[in-house]
Amino acid sequence: MSTWHVYPGFIRLVDNSHVPVVLILDVDQRVMVRADVADIAEDVPALARELLSSGDLPDTVVYLDSPLFPDLVDGLDSALSGTGHRPHRVATVDGDELGWVLDEGRRVIKAVEARKPSCPHDVSALLRAALTTAHEQTR
């Protein structure tokens, strides 16, 4: 059984603006499996659906309710219903898995911000590099 967590967030650019991102983390492998940049915060649900539909899905997809992305839950519920996969909404943060997801999501975001990206394209390139590194570590 495999479990992925959808982790939406924001990455700060050097001009102090923020770029919305979606990270998808594999809890079993302890690695980021997908990530990308959304144009605007309202596009985060669509990006999350796109990232989840871009290949094989795990047994379970977990995502946190977030007031920052109010349509995320409905969008993911809709996208995952009928696929044979079990979406699982989490309202509170507890347990080792969620602790790791939150820590890893923050770590990835801080690592990208430390590289001082100046535009969404820079963020996307840095996320792709992080994904490549993560995939190399699981081989």
N, C-alpha and C. Protein backbone atom coordinates (compact mmCIF):
# COMPACT_ATOMS: atom_id res chain seq x y z
N MET A 1 0.84 -1.18 0.00
CA MET A 1 0.00 0.00 0.00
C MET A 1 0.88 1.24 0.00
N SER A 2 0.58 2.17 -0.86
CA SER A 2 1.35 3.41 -0.92
C SER A 2 0.43 4.59 -0.64
N THR A 3 1.02 5.63 -0.07
CA THR A 3 0.26 6.82 0.29
C THR A 3 1.01 8.06 -0.17
N TRP A 4 0.29 8.94 -0.87
CA TRP A 4 0.84 10.22 -1.26
C TRP A 4 0.08 11.32 -0.54
N HIS A 5 0.80 12.36 -0.17
CA HIS A 5 0.20 13.55 0.42
C HIS A 5 0.34 14.73 -0.54
N VAL A 6 -0.76 15.45 -0.73
CA VAL A 6 -0.75 16.67 -1.54
C VAL A 6 -0.45 17.83 -0.60
N TYR A 7 0.59 18.59 -0.91
CA TYR A 7 1.04 19.68 -0.05
C TYR A 7 1.07 20.97 -0.87
N PRO A 8 0.01 21.78 -0.80
CA PRO A 8 0.03 23.07 -1.50
C PRO A 8 0.72 24.11 -0.61
N GLY A 9 1.32 25.08 -1.24
CA GLY A 9 1.98 26.14 -0.46
C GLY A 9 2.38 27.31 -1.35
N PHE A 10 3.19 28.17 -0.78
CA PHE A 10 3.69 29.34 -1.51
C PHE A 10 5.19 29.42 -1.35
N ILE A 11 5.87 29.86 -2.40
CA ILE A 11 7.31 30.12 -2.35
C ILE A 11 7.52 31.59 -2.62
N ARG A 12 8.32 32.22 -1.74
CA ARG A 12 8.59 33.65 -1.85
C ARG A 12 9.69 33.92 -2.88
N LEU A 13 9.42 34.88 -3.75
CA LEU A 13 10.42 35.33 -4.72
C LEU A 13 11.26 36.44 -4.11
N VAL A 14 12.34 36.82 -4.78
CA VAL A 14 13.23 37.85 -4.23
C VAL A 14 12.53 39.20 -4.09
N ASP A 15 11.48 39.46 -4.86
CA ASP A 15 10.76 40.74 -4.74
C ASP A 15 9.68 40.69 -3.66
N ASN A 16 9.66 39.60 -2.87
CA ASN A 16 8.70 39.36 -1.78
C ASN A 16 7.30 39.01 -2.26
N SER A 17 7.11 38.80 -3.56
CA SER A 17 5.84 38.24 -4.01
C SER A 17 5.89 36.74 -3.78
N HIS A 18 4.75 36.09 -3.92
CA HIS A 18 4.67 34.66 -3.65
C HIS A 18 4.12 33.90 -4.85
N VAL A 19 4.65 32.72 -5.07
CA VAL A 19 4.23 31.84 -6.16
C VAL A 19 3.57 30.61 -5.54
N PRO A 20 2.34 30.29 -5.92
CA PRO A 20 1.70 29.07 -5.40
C PRO A 20 2.31 27.82 -6.03
N VAL A 21 2.51 26.80 -5.20
CA VAL A 21 3.09 25.54 -5.67
C VAL A 21 2.29 24.37 -5.10
N VAL A 22 2.43 23.23 -5.75
CA VAL A 22 1.88 21.98 -5.23
C VAL A 22 3.02 20.98 -5.19
N LEU A 23 3.24 20.40 -4.01
CA LEU A 23 4.21 19.32 -3.84
C LEU A 23 3.41 18.06 -3.55
N ILE A 24 3.82 16.95 -4.12
CA ILE A 24 3.20 15.67 -3.82
C ILE A 24 4.29 14.77 -3.26
N LEU A 25 4.07 14.32 -2.03
CA LEU A 25 5.08 13.59 -1.29
C LEU A 25 4.66 12.14 -1.06
N ASP A 26 5.55 11.22 -1.34
CA ASP A 26 5.31 9.80 -1.11
C ASP A 26 5.80 9.46 0.29
N VAL A 27 4.87 9.14 1.18
CA VAL A 27 5.21 8.89 2.58
C VAL A 27 6.01 7.60 2.73
N ASP A 28 5.68 6.58 1.97
CA ASP A 28 6.34 5.29 2.10
C ASP A 28 7.81 5.36 1.69
N GLN A 29 8.07 6.06 0.58
CA GLN A 29 9.44 6.20 0.09
C GLN A 29 10.16 7.40 0.72
N ARG A 30 9.39 8.26 1.41
CA ARG A 30 9.92 9.49 2.02
C ARG A 30 10.63 10.35 0.97
N VAL A 31 9.86 10.66 -0.10
CA VAL A 31 10.43 11.41 -1.21
C VAL A 31 9.33 12.24 -1.89
N MET A 32 9.72 13.36 -2.47
CA MET A 32 8.80 14.15 -3.28
C MET A 32 8.70 13.48 -4.65
N VAL A 33 7.48 13.23 -5.11
CA VAL A 33 7.29 12.53 -6.38
C VAL A 33 6.83 13.43 -7.52
N ARG A 34 6.18 14.54 -7.18
CA ARG A 34 5.73 15.49 -8.20
C ARG A 34 5.68 16.88 -7.58
N ALA A 35 5.89 17.89 -8.40
CA ALA A 35 5.82 19.28 -7.92
C ALA A 35 5.77 20.21 -9.12
N ASP A 36 5.06 21.32 -8.95
CA ASP A 36 5.05 22.34 -9.99
C ASP A 36 4.47 23.63 -9.44
N VAL A 37 4.47 24.64 -10.28
CA VAL A 37 4.04 26.00 -9.95
C VAL A 37 2.69 26.27 -10.59
N ALA A 38 1.80 26.92 -9.85
CA ALA A 38 0.52 27.38 -10.39
C ALA A 38 0.65 28.86 -10.73
N ASP A 39 -0.10 29.32 -11.71
CA ASP A 39 -0.05 30.73 -12.08
C ASP A 39 -0.59 31.62 -10.96
N ILE A 40 -1.71 31.21 -10.39
CA ILE A 40 -2.33 31.94 -9.29
C ILE A 40 -2.87 30.93 -8.28
N ALA A 41 -3.15 31.39 -7.07
CA ALA A 41 -3.62 30.49 -6.02
C ALA A 41 -4.89 29.74 -6.41
N GLU A 42 -5.76 30.39 -7.17
CA GLU A 42 -7.00 29.75 -7.58
C GLU A 42 -6.76 28.58 -8.53
N ASP A 43 -5.57 28.50 -9.13
CA ASP A 43 -5.23 27.41 -10.04
C ASP A 43 -4.65 26.19 -9.33
N VAL A 44 -4.41 26.29 -8.01
CA VAL A 44 -3.81 25.18 -7.27
C VAL A 44 -4.63 23.90 -7.36
N PRO A 45 -5.97 23.93 -7.20
CA PRO A 45 -6.72 22.67 -7.33
C PRO A 45 -6.54 22.02 -8.70
N ALA A 46 -6.56 22.80 -9.76
CA ALA A 46 -6.39 22.25 -11.11
C ALA A 46 -4.99 21.67 -11.27
N LEU A 47 -3.98 22.35 -10.74
CA LEU A 47 -2.61 21.84 -10.82
C LEU A 47 -2.48 20.53 -10.05
N ALA A 48 -3.08 20.47 -8.86
CA ALA A 48 -3.02 19.24 -8.06
C ALA A 48 -3.67 18.09 -8.83
N ARG A 49 -4.81 18.35 -9.45
CA ARG A 49 -5.48 17.31 -10.24
C ARG A 49 -4.58 16.87 -11.40
N GLU A 50 -3.96 17.84 -12.07
CA GLU A 50 -3.08 17.53 -13.21
C GLU A 50 -1.88 16.68 -12.76
N LEU A 51 -1.27 17.06 -11.65
CA LEU A 51 -0.12 16.31 -11.15
C LEU A 51 -0.51 14.89 -10.76
N LEU A 52 -1.68 14.74 -10.17
CA LEU A 52 -2.12 13.40 -9.78
C LEU A 52 -2.48 12.54 -10.99
N SER A 53 -2.94 13.17 -12.06
CA SER A 53 -3.37 12.39 -13.23
C SER A 53 -2.24 12.16 -14.22
N SER A 54 -1.01 12.59 -13.88
CA SER A 54 0.10 12.48 -14.83
C SER A 54 0.87 11.18 -14.70
N GLY A 55 0.21 10.13 -14.27
CA GLY A 55 0.88 8.84 -14.17
C GLY A 55 0.15 7.95 -13.20
N ASP A 56 0.82 6.90 -12.77
CA ASP A 56 0.22 5.98 -11.81
C ASP A 56 -0.10 6.68 -10.51
N LEU A 57 -1.18 6.27 -9.89
CA LEU A 57 -1.57 6.80 -8.60
C LEU A 57 -1.27 5.79 -7.50
N PRO A 58 -1.07 6.28 -6.30
CA PRO A 58 -0.86 5.37 -5.17
C PRO A 58 -2.19 4.78 -4.72
N ASP A 59 -2.14 3.95 -3.69
CA ASP A 59 -3.37 3.38 -3.15
C ASP A 59 -4.23 4.45 -2.48
N THR A 60 -3.58 5.39 -1.79
CA THR A 60 -4.30 6.41 -1.02
C THR A 60 -3.69 7.77 -1.28
N VAL A 61 -4.56 8.78 -1.42
CA VAL A 61 -4.12 10.17 -1.56
C VAL A 61 -4.67 10.93 -0.35
N VAL A 62 -3.78 11.61 0.36
CA VAL A 62 -4.16 12.35 1.56
C VAL A 62 -3.92 13.84 1.30
N TYR A 63 -4.84 14.67 1.80
CA TYR A 63 -4.64 16.11 1.67
C TYR A 63 -5.29 16.81 2.84
N LEU A 64 -4.69 17.91 3.22
CA LEU A 64 -5.16 18.69 4.36
C LEU A 64 -6.16 19.73 3.91
N ASP A 65 -7.20 19.92 4.70
CA ASP A 65 -8.09 21.05 4.46
C ASP A 65 -7.30 22.32 4.68
N SER A 66 -7.47 23.31 3.82
CA SER A 66 -6.72 24.55 3.95
C SER A 66 -7.58 25.74 3.59
N PRO A 67 -7.66 26.73 4.49
CA PRO A 67 -8.42 27.93 4.14
C PRO A 67 -7.74 28.74 3.03
N LEU A 68 -6.45 28.50 2.79
CA LEU A 68 -5.74 29.21 1.72
C LEU A 68 -6.15 28.71 0.34
N PHE A 69 -6.59 27.46 0.27
CA PHE A 69 -6.97 26.84 -1.00
C PHE A 69 -8.34 26.17 -0.83
N PRO A 70 -9.40 26.97 -0.71
CA PRO A 70 -10.72 26.42 -0.37
C PRO A 70 -11.29 25.45 -1.39
N ASP A 71 -10.94 25.55 -2.65
CA ASP A 71 -11.49 24.65 -3.66
C ASP A 71 -10.66 23.38 -3.84
N LEU A 72 -9.54 23.30 -3.14
CA LEU A 72 -8.66 22.14 -3.30
C LEU A 72 -9.35 20.85 -2.92
N VAL A 73 -10.01 20.83 -1.79
CA VAL A 73 -10.65 19.61 -1.30
C VAL A 73 -11.72 19.14 -2.28
N ASP A 74 -12.60 20.02 -2.70
CA ASP A 74 -13.65 19.63 -3.64
C ASP A 74 -13.06 19.18 -4.97
N GLY A 75 -12.03 19.88 -5.43
CA GLY A 75 -11.40 19.52 -6.70
C GLY A 75 -10.76 18.15 -6.65
N LEU A 76 -10.06 17.86 -5.56
CA LEU A 76 -9.42 16.55 -5.44
C LEU A 76 -10.44 15.45 -5.21
N ASP A 77 -11.46 15.73 -4.39
CA ASP A 77 -12.53 14.75 -4.20
C ASP A 77 -13.14 14.37 -5.55
N SER A 78 -13.43 15.37 -6.35
CA SER A 78 -14.04 15.16 -7.66
C SER A 78 -13.10 14.38 -8.59
N ALA A 79 -11.83 14.78 -8.62
CA ALA A 79 -10.88 14.14 -9.52
C ALA A 79 -10.62 12.69 -9.15
N LEU A 80 -10.61 12.40 -7.86
CA LEU A 80 -10.27 11.05 -7.41
C LEU A 80 -11.47 10.10 -7.32
N SER A 81 -12.67 10.67 -7.26
CA SER A 81 -13.84 9.80 -7.17
C SER A 81 -13.98 9.02 -8.48
N GLY A 82 -14.24 7.77 -8.35
CA GLY A 82 -14.41 6.95 -9.54
C GLY A 82 -13.11 6.40 -10.11
N THR A 83 -11.98 6.73 -9.51
CA THR A 83 -10.71 6.22 -10.04
C THR A 83 -10.29 4.92 -9.37
N GLY A 84 -10.99 4.54 -8.32
CA GLY A 84 -10.60 3.35 -7.57
C GLY A 84 -9.59 3.66 -6.49
N HIS A 85 -9.21 4.91 -6.38
CA HIS A 85 -8.27 5.32 -5.34
C HIS A 85 -9.04 5.96 -4.20
N ARG A 86 -8.50 5.81 -3.01
CA ARG A 86 -9.19 6.32 -1.83
C ARG A 86 -8.63 7.67 -1.43
N PRO A 87 -9.33 8.74 -1.73
CA PRO A 87 -8.89 10.03 -1.20
C PRO A 87 -9.16 10.07 0.30
N HIS A 88 -8.33 10.74 1.03
CA HIS A 88 -8.51 10.83 2.47
C HIS A 88 -8.19 12.24 2.92
N ARG A 89 -9.20 12.92 3.40
CA ARG A 89 -9.02 14.29 3.88
C ARG A 89 -8.57 14.25 5.32
N VAL A 90 -7.67 15.13 5.67
CA VAL A 90 -7.18 15.19 7.04
C VAL A 90 -7.47 16.59 7.58
N ALA A 91 -8.16 16.65 8.70
CA ALA A 91 -8.51 17.95 9.28
C ALA A 91 -7.51 18.40 10.33
N THR A 92 -6.87 17.45 10.99
CA THR A 92 -5.91 17.80 12.02
C THR A 92 -4.57 17.14 11.71
N VAL A 93 -3.54 17.72 12.22
CA VAL A 93 -2.20 17.20 11.97
C VAL A 93 -1.78 16.37 13.17
N ASP A 94 -1.61 15.09 12.95
CA ASP A 94 -1.10 14.22 14.00
C ASP A 94 -0.44 13.02 13.34
N GLY A 95 0.36 12.33 14.08
CA GLY A 95 1.01 11.14 13.57
C GLY A 95 2.32 11.42 12.88
N ASP A 96 3.14 10.39 12.80
CA ASP A 96 4.47 10.49 12.21
C ASP A 96 4.43 10.84 10.73
N GLU A 97 3.49 10.25 9.99
CA GLU A 97 3.42 10.51 8.56
C GLU A 97 3.15 11.98 8.27
N LEU A 98 2.15 12.53 8.93
CA LEU A 98 1.83 13.94 8.69
C LEU A 98 2.94 14.85 9.18
N GLY A 99 3.59 14.47 10.25
CA GLY A 99 4.73 15.24 10.73
C GLY A 99 5.83 15.29 9.68
N TRP A 100 6.11 14.14 9.07
CA TRP A 100 7.13 14.11 8.03
C TRP A 100 6.70 14.95 6.83
N VAL A 101 5.44 14.84 6.42
CA VAL A 101 4.96 15.61 5.27
C VAL A 101 5.14 17.10 5.51
N LEU A 102 4.72 17.57 6.67
CA LEU A 102 4.84 19.00 6.96
C LEU A 102 6.30 19.43 7.02
N ASP A 103 7.14 18.63 7.66
CA ASP A 103 8.57 18.96 7.73
C ASP A 103 9.22 18.96 6.35
N GLU A 104 8.91 17.95 5.55
CA GLU A 104 9.51 17.84 4.22
C GLU A 104 9.00 18.95 3.30
N GLY A 105 7.71 19.25 3.37
CA GLY A 105 7.18 20.35 2.56
C GLY A 105 7.86 21.67 2.90
N ARG A 106 8.00 21.94 4.19
CA ARG A 106 8.69 23.17 4.61
C ARG A 106 10.15 23.16 4.18
N ARG A 107 10.80 22.00 4.27
CA ARG A 107 12.20 21.90 3.88
C ARG A 107 12.38 22.21 2.40
N VAL A 108 11.53 21.63 1.55
CA VAL A 108 11.61 21.87 0.11
C VAL A 108 11.39 23.35 -0.19
N ILE A 109 10.37 23.93 0.42
CA ILE A 109 10.07 25.34 0.18
C ILE A 109 11.24 26.23 0.61
N LYS A 110 11.80 25.97 1.79
CA LYS A 110 12.94 26.76 2.26
C LYS A 110 14.16 26.59 1.36
N ALA A 111 14.38 25.37 0.87
CA ALA A 111 15.52 25.12 -0.01
C ALA A 111 15.38 25.90 -1.32
N VAL A 112 14.16 25.93 -1.86
CA VAL A 112 13.93 26.70 -3.09
C VAL A 112 14.09 28.18 -2.81
N GLU A 113 13.51 28.67 -1.72
CA GLU A 113 13.62 30.09 -1.38
C GLU A 113 15.07 30.51 -1.14
N ALA A 114 15.88 29.60 -0.60
CA ALA A 114 17.29 29.90 -0.34
C ALA A 114 18.07 30.15 -1.63
N ARG A 115 17.57 29.64 -2.74
CA ARG A 115 18.23 29.85 -4.04
C ARG A 115 17.84 31.17 -4.67
N LYS A 116 16.99 31.94 -3.98
CA LYS A 116 16.59 33.30 -4.40
C LYS A 116 15.97 33.34 -5.80
N PRO A 117 14.88 32.59 -6.01
CA PRO A 117 14.23 32.64 -7.33
C PRO A 117 13.61 34.02 -7.56
N SER A 118 13.66 34.46 -8.82
CA SER A 118 13.12 35.78 -9.14
C SER A 118 11.82 35.74 -9.92
N CYS A 119 11.43 34.54 -10.39
CA CYS A 119 10.20 34.42 -11.17
C CYS A 119 9.67 33.00 -11.05
N PRO A 120 8.41 32.77 -11.44
CA PRO A 120 7.84 31.42 -11.38
C PRO A 120 8.66 30.39 -12.17
N HIS A 121 9.25 30.81 -13.29
CA HIS A 121 10.06 29.89 -14.07
C HIS A 121 11.25 29.39 -13.26
N ASP A 122 11.90 30.28 -12.50
CA ASP A 122 13.01 29.87 -11.63
C ASP A 122 12.53 28.84 -10.61
N VAL A 123 11.37 29.09 -10.01
CA VAL A 123 10.83 28.16 -9.01
C VAL A 123 10.57 26.80 -9.65
N SER A 124 9.98 26.79 -10.83
CA SER A 124 9.69 25.55 -11.53
C SER A 124 10.98 24.78 -11.82
N ALA A 125 12.01 25.46 -12.26
CA ALA A 125 13.30 24.81 -12.55
C ALA A 125 13.91 24.23 -11.27
N LEU A 126 13.82 24.97 -10.18
CA LEU A 126 14.36 24.48 -8.91
C LEU A 126 13.58 23.27 -8.40
N LEU A 127 12.26 23.28 -8.57
CA LEU A 127 11.46 22.12 -8.18
C LEU A 127 11.80 20.91 -9.05
N ARG A 128 12.00 21.12 -10.35
CA ARG A 128 12.39 20.00 -11.23
C ARG A 128 13.73 19.42 -10.78
N ALA A 129 14.67 20.29 -10.42
CA ALA A 129 15.97 19.81 -9.93
C ALA A 129 15.80 19.02 -8.64
N ALA A 130 14.94 19.49 -7.75
CA ALA A 130 14.69 18.77 -6.50
C ALA A 130 14.05 17.41 -6.78
N LEU A 131 13.15 17.35 -7.76
CA LEU A 131 12.53 16.08 -8.12
C LEU A 131 13.56 15.10 -8.68
N THR A 132 14.45 15.60 -9.53
CA THR A 132 15.49 14.75 -10.10
C THR A 132 16.38 14.18 -8.99
N THR A 133 16.76 15.04 -8.05
CA THR A 133 17.58 14.59 -6.93
C THR A 133 16.85 13.55 -6.10
N ALA A 134 15.57 13.80 -5.84
CA ALA A 134 14.77 12.86 -5.05
C ALA A 134 14.67 11.51 -5.74
N HIS A 135 14.45 11.51 -7.05
CA HIS A 135 14.34 10.25 -7.77
C HIS A 135 15.67 9.50 -7.80
N GLU A 136 16.76 10.22 -7.88
CA GLU A 136 18.08 9.57 -7.85
C GLU A 136 18.35 8.92 -6.51
N GLN A 137 17.86 9.52 -5.44
CA GLN A 137 18.08 8.98 -4.10
C GLN A 137 17.29 7.70 -3.87
N THR A 138 16.20 7.49 -4.59
CA THR A 138 15.40 6.28 -4.38
C THR A 138 15.86 5.12 -5.24
N ARG A 139 16.82 5.35 -6.10
CA ARG A 139 17.33 4.26 -6.96
C ARG A 139 18.33 3.42 -6.25
